[in-house]
Amino acid sequence: MNKKTLYRIYNLKTDASYFGISSSKGNVCAQERFSLDLGMHPCRTLQDDYTKTGLELFVIETIKESDETEELVTLKAELEKQLEDKGTTVYR
């Protein structure tokens, strides 16, 4: 099976978070940063904040790797709900 990665992009200035699941091989953090640096991230609000504030105020981290996509989808939804319940912005 192909391992998938649940990752988070965290805005240090606003506490907003973006969660994604990647099935691509290689360094997910580097791939996301490359997309953001080129201005091509699919989440426009995240891209706009990144473009305004720059790399220094963002952290890209791996949360969990798994062969089970459903496990990661469930964990992603739980994390997003926890943040939203606390009033924290989740990029969508």
N, C-alpha and C. Protein backbone atom coordinates (compact mmCIF):
# COMPACT_ATOMS: atom_id res chain seq x y z
N MET A 1 0.83 -1.20 0.00
CA MET A 1 0.00 0.00 0.00
C MET A 1 0.87 1.26 0.00
N ASN A 2 0.30 2.32 -0.46
CA ASN A 2 1.00 3.60 -0.55
C ASN A 2 0.70 4.44 0.68
N LYS A 3 1.74 4.76 1.43
CA LYS A 3 1.55 5.60 2.61
C LYS A 3 1.06 6.98 2.22
N LYS A 4 0.16 7.49 3.03
CA LYS A 4 -0.36 8.84 2.85
C LYS A 4 0.04 9.66 4.07
N THR A 5 0.07 10.96 3.91
CA THR A 5 0.52 11.84 4.97
C THR A 5 -0.54 12.89 5.29
N LEU A 6 -0.87 13.01 6.57
CA LEU A 6 -1.70 14.12 7.05
C LEU A 6 -0.73 15.19 7.53
N TYR A 7 -0.91 16.40 7.03
CA TYR A 7 0.00 17.49 7.39
C TYR A 7 -0.79 18.74 7.74
N ARG A 8 -0.09 19.67 8.38
CA ARG A 8 -0.71 20.95 8.75
C ARG A 8 0.20 22.09 8.34
N ILE A 9 -0.43 23.15 7.84
CA ILE A 9 0.27 24.42 7.61
C ILE A 9 -0.31 25.39 8.62
N TYR A 10 0.55 25.90 9.49
CA TYR A 10 0.12 26.71 10.63
C TYR A 10 0.63 28.14 10.50
N ASN A 11 -0.30 29.09 10.62
CA ASN A 11 0.03 30.51 10.55
C ASN A 11 0.34 31.00 11.97
N LEU A 12 1.59 31.30 12.24
CA LEU A 12 2.02 31.73 13.58
C LEU A 12 1.42 33.07 13.98
N LYS A 13 1.09 33.89 13.02
CA LYS A 13 0.56 35.23 13.31
C LYS A 13 -0.92 35.18 13.71
N THR A 14 -1.71 34.34 13.01
CA THR A 14 -3.15 34.34 13.23
C THR A 14 -3.67 33.07 13.91
N ASP A 15 -2.82 32.08 14.10
CA ASP A 15 -3.19 30.77 14.64
C ASP A 15 -4.06 29.95 13.69
N ALA A 16 -4.27 30.39 12.48
CA ALA A 16 -5.07 29.64 11.51
C ALA A 16 -4.28 28.42 11.04
N SER A 17 -5.01 27.35 10.71
CA SER A 17 -4.37 26.11 10.26
C SER A 17 -5.04 25.58 9.01
N TYR A 18 -4.23 24.94 8.19
CA TYR A 18 -4.72 24.22 7.02
C TYR A 18 -4.26 22.78 7.18
N PHE A 19 -5.18 21.84 7.01
CA PHE A 19 -4.84 20.43 7.08
C PHE A 19 -5.03 19.82 5.69
N GLY A 20 -4.09 19.00 5.30
CA GLY A 20 -4.19 18.32 4.02
C GLY A 20 -3.73 16.89 4.13
N ILE A 21 -4.13 16.09 3.17
CA ILE A 21 -3.69 14.70 3.07
C ILE A 21 -3.04 14.54 1.71
N SER A 22 -1.83 14.01 1.71
CA SER A 22 -1.09 13.84 0.47
C SER A 22 -0.78 12.36 0.26
N SER A 23 -0.92 11.93 -0.97
CA SER A 23 -0.55 10.56 -1.32
C SER A 23 0.72 10.54 -2.16
N SER A 24 1.27 11.72 -2.41
CA SER A 24 2.47 11.78 -3.24
C SER A 24 3.69 11.38 -2.44
N LYS A 25 4.62 10.78 -3.14
CA LYS A 25 5.87 10.37 -2.50
C LYS A 25 6.78 11.59 -2.40
N GLY A 26 7.67 11.55 -1.46
CA GLY A 26 8.60 12.65 -1.30
C GLY A 26 8.24 13.52 -0.11
N ASN A 27 8.89 14.63 -0.01
CA ASN A 27 8.75 15.52 1.13
C ASN A 27 7.52 16.41 0.96
N VAL A 28 6.47 16.10 1.70
CA VAL A 28 5.22 16.85 1.62
C VAL A 28 5.44 18.31 1.98
N CYS A 29 6.24 18.56 3.01
CA CYS A 29 6.48 19.94 3.45
C CYS A 29 7.13 20.76 2.35
N ALA A 30 8.11 20.17 1.68
CA ALA A 30 8.78 20.88 0.58
C ALA A 30 7.83 21.11 -0.58
N GLN A 31 6.97 20.13 -0.87
CA GLN A 31 6.02 20.27 -1.97
C GLN A 31 5.01 21.40 -1.68
N GLU A 32 4.53 21.46 -0.45
CA GLU A 32 3.57 22.51 -0.09
C GLU A 32 4.23 23.88 -0.13
N ARG A 33 5.43 23.97 0.39
CA ARG A 33 6.14 25.25 0.37
C ARG A 33 6.39 25.70 -1.07
N PHE A 34 6.76 24.79 -1.93
CA PHE A 34 6.98 25.11 -3.34
C PHE A 34 5.72 25.67 -3.97
N SER A 35 4.59 25.03 -3.69
CA SER A 35 3.30 25.48 -4.21
C SER A 35 2.97 26.89 -3.69
N LEU A 36 3.20 27.12 -2.40
CA LEU A 36 2.95 28.44 -1.81
C LEU A 36 3.89 29.49 -2.38
N ASP A 37 5.17 29.13 -2.51
CA ASP A 37 6.14 30.09 -3.04
C ASP A 37 5.81 30.51 -4.47
N LEU A 38 5.21 29.60 -5.23
CA LEU A 38 4.84 29.91 -6.61
C LEU A 38 3.48 30.62 -6.70
N GLY A 39 2.78 30.73 -5.55
CA GLY A 39 1.47 31.36 -5.56
C GLY A 39 0.39 30.47 -6.15
N MET A 40 0.57 29.16 -6.06
CA MET A 40 -0.33 28.23 -6.73
C MET A 40 -1.06 27.29 -5.77
N HIS A 41 -1.09 27.61 -4.50
CA HIS A 41 -1.77 26.71 -3.56
C HIS A 41 -3.27 26.74 -3.83
N PRO A 42 -3.94 25.58 -3.78
CA PRO A 42 -5.39 25.56 -4.08
C PRO A 42 -6.27 26.27 -3.05
N CYS A 43 -5.79 26.43 -1.83
CA CYS A 43 -6.56 27.15 -0.81
C CYS A 43 -6.21 28.64 -0.92
N ARG A 44 -7.11 29.41 -1.52
CA ARG A 44 -6.80 30.81 -1.83
C ARG A 44 -6.58 31.67 -0.57
N THR A 45 -7.36 31.44 0.49
CA THR A 45 -7.16 32.28 1.68
C THR A 45 -5.80 32.00 2.32
N LEU A 46 -5.40 30.75 2.33
CA LEU A 46 -4.06 30.40 2.82
C LEU A 46 -3.01 31.05 1.93
N GLN A 47 -3.18 30.94 0.63
CA GLN A 47 -2.22 31.51 -0.31
C GLN A 47 -2.11 33.02 -0.13
N ASP A 48 -3.24 33.69 0.04
CA ASP A 48 -3.22 35.15 0.22
C ASP A 48 -2.47 35.53 1.49
N ASP A 49 -2.73 34.82 2.60
CA ASP A 49 -2.02 35.11 3.85
C ASP A 49 -0.53 34.84 3.71
N TYR A 50 -0.18 33.76 3.05
CA TYR A 50 1.23 33.42 2.85
C TYR A 50 1.93 34.49 2.00
N THR A 51 1.25 34.93 0.97
CA THR A 51 1.82 35.94 0.08
C THR A 51 2.04 37.26 0.84
N LYS A 52 1.10 37.62 1.71
CA LYS A 52 1.21 38.87 2.48
C LYS A 52 2.30 38.81 3.55
N THR A 53 2.39 37.67 4.25
CA THR A 53 3.27 37.62 5.43
C THR A 53 4.58 36.87 5.20
N GLY A 54 4.62 35.95 4.27
CA GLY A 54 5.85 35.24 3.96
C GLY A 54 6.08 33.98 4.78
N LEU A 55 7.06 33.24 4.37
CA LEU A 55 7.40 31.94 4.94
C LEU A 55 7.70 31.99 6.44
N GLU A 56 8.30 33.06 6.90
CA GLU A 56 8.77 33.13 8.28
C GLU A 56 7.65 32.95 9.30
N LEU A 57 6.42 33.24 8.93
CA LEU A 57 5.30 33.14 9.88
C LEU A 57 4.46 31.89 9.66
N PHE A 58 4.99 30.91 8.94
CA PHE A 58 4.27 29.66 8.70
C PHE A 58 5.13 28.46 9.07
N VAL A 59 4.47 27.45 9.62
CA VAL A 59 5.11 26.18 9.93
C VAL A 59 4.37 25.10 9.15
N ILE A 60 5.12 24.26 8.47
CA ILE A 60 4.54 23.12 7.76
C ILE A 60 5.05 21.87 8.45
N GLU A 61 4.10 21.05 8.94
CA GLU A 61 4.51 19.89 9.73
C GLU A 61 3.69 18.65 9.36
N THR A 62 4.34 17.51 9.49
CA THR A 62 3.66 16.23 9.31
C THR A 62 2.96 15.87 10.61
N ILE A 63 1.68 15.51 10.51
CA ILE A 63 0.92 15.08 11.68
C ILE A 63 0.98 13.56 11.82
N LYS A 64 0.71 12.84 10.73
CA LYS A 64 0.69 11.38 10.80
C LYS A 64 0.81 10.79 9.40
N GLU A 65 1.48 9.64 9.33
CA GLU A 65 1.54 8.87 8.10
C GLU A 65 0.79 7.57 8.31
N SER A 66 0.09 7.11 7.28
CA SER A 66 -0.69 5.88 7.41
C SER A 66 -0.97 5.29 6.03
N ASP A 67 -1.20 3.99 6.03
CA ASP A 67 -1.66 3.32 4.81
C ASP A 67 -3.17 3.45 4.66
N GLU A 68 -3.83 3.81 5.75
CA GLU A 68 -5.29 3.87 5.79
C GLU A 68 -5.79 5.30 5.56
N THR A 69 -6.31 5.57 4.39
CA THR A 69 -6.81 6.91 4.06
C THR A 69 -7.93 7.33 5.01
N GLU A 70 -8.85 6.42 5.29
CA GLU A 70 -10.00 6.75 6.15
C GLU A 70 -9.54 7.20 7.54
N GLU A 71 -8.49 6.59 8.06
CA GLU A 71 -7.95 6.99 9.36
C GLU A 71 -7.50 8.44 9.33
N LEU A 72 -6.83 8.82 8.26
CA LEU A 72 -6.33 10.19 8.13
C LEU A 72 -7.47 11.18 7.90
N VAL A 73 -8.46 10.78 7.12
CA VAL A 73 -9.62 11.64 6.88
C VAL A 73 -10.37 11.91 8.19
N THR A 74 -10.53 10.87 8.99
CA THR A 74 -11.20 11.01 10.29
C THR A 74 -10.41 11.91 11.22
N LEU A 75 -9.10 11.69 11.30
CA LEU A 75 -8.25 12.51 12.17
C LEU A 75 -8.26 13.97 11.71
N LYS A 76 -8.21 14.19 10.41
CA LYS A 76 -8.25 15.55 9.86
C LYS A 76 -9.53 16.26 10.29
N ALA A 77 -10.66 15.59 10.14
CA ALA A 77 -11.94 16.18 10.53
C ALA A 77 -11.99 16.48 12.02
N GLU A 78 -11.45 15.58 12.84
CA GLU A 78 -11.43 15.79 14.29
C GLU A 78 -10.59 17.01 14.65
N LEU A 79 -9.43 17.13 14.04
CA LEU A 79 -8.54 18.26 14.33
C LEU A 79 -9.17 19.58 13.90
N GLU A 80 -9.79 19.59 12.73
CA GLU A 80 -10.45 20.80 12.26
C GLU A 80 -11.59 21.20 13.20
N LYS A 81 -12.37 20.23 13.63
CA LYS A 81 -13.48 20.51 14.54
C LYS A 81 -12.98 21.04 15.88
N GLN A 82 -11.93 20.44 16.41
CA GLN A 82 -11.36 20.92 17.68
C GLN A 82 -10.96 22.39 17.59
N LEU A 83 -10.31 22.75 16.52
CA LEU A 83 -9.88 24.14 16.35
C LEU A 83 -11.07 25.08 16.18
N GLU A 84 -12.02 24.67 15.34
CA GLU A 84 -13.19 25.52 15.12
C GLU A 84 -14.02 25.67 16.39
N ASP A 85 -14.10 24.62 17.20
CA ASP A 85 -14.83 24.70 18.47
C ASP A 85 -14.18 25.71 19.43
N LYS A 86 -12.87 25.91 19.27
CA LYS A 86 -12.17 26.89 20.10
C LYS A 86 -12.18 28.28 19.47
N GLY A 87 -12.81 28.40 18.30
CA GLY A 87 -12.89 29.69 17.63
C GLY A 87 -11.68 30.01 16.76
N THR A 88 -10.87 29.01 16.49
CA THR A 88 -9.68 29.20 15.67
C THR A 88 -10.02 28.98 14.21
N THR A 89 -9.46 29.79 13.35
CA THR A 89 -9.71 29.70 11.90
C THR A 89 -9.05 28.46 11.33
N VAL A 90 -9.80 27.77 10.49
CA VAL A 90 -9.28 26.66 9.71
C VAL A 90 -9.41 27.05 8.24
N TYR A 91 -8.28 27.08 7.55
CA TYR A 91 -8.31 27.37 6.12
C TYR A 91 -9.01 26.20 5.41
N ARG A 92 -9.89 26.53 4.46
CA ARG A 92 -10.59 25.49 3.69
C ARG A 92 -10.40 25.73 2.21
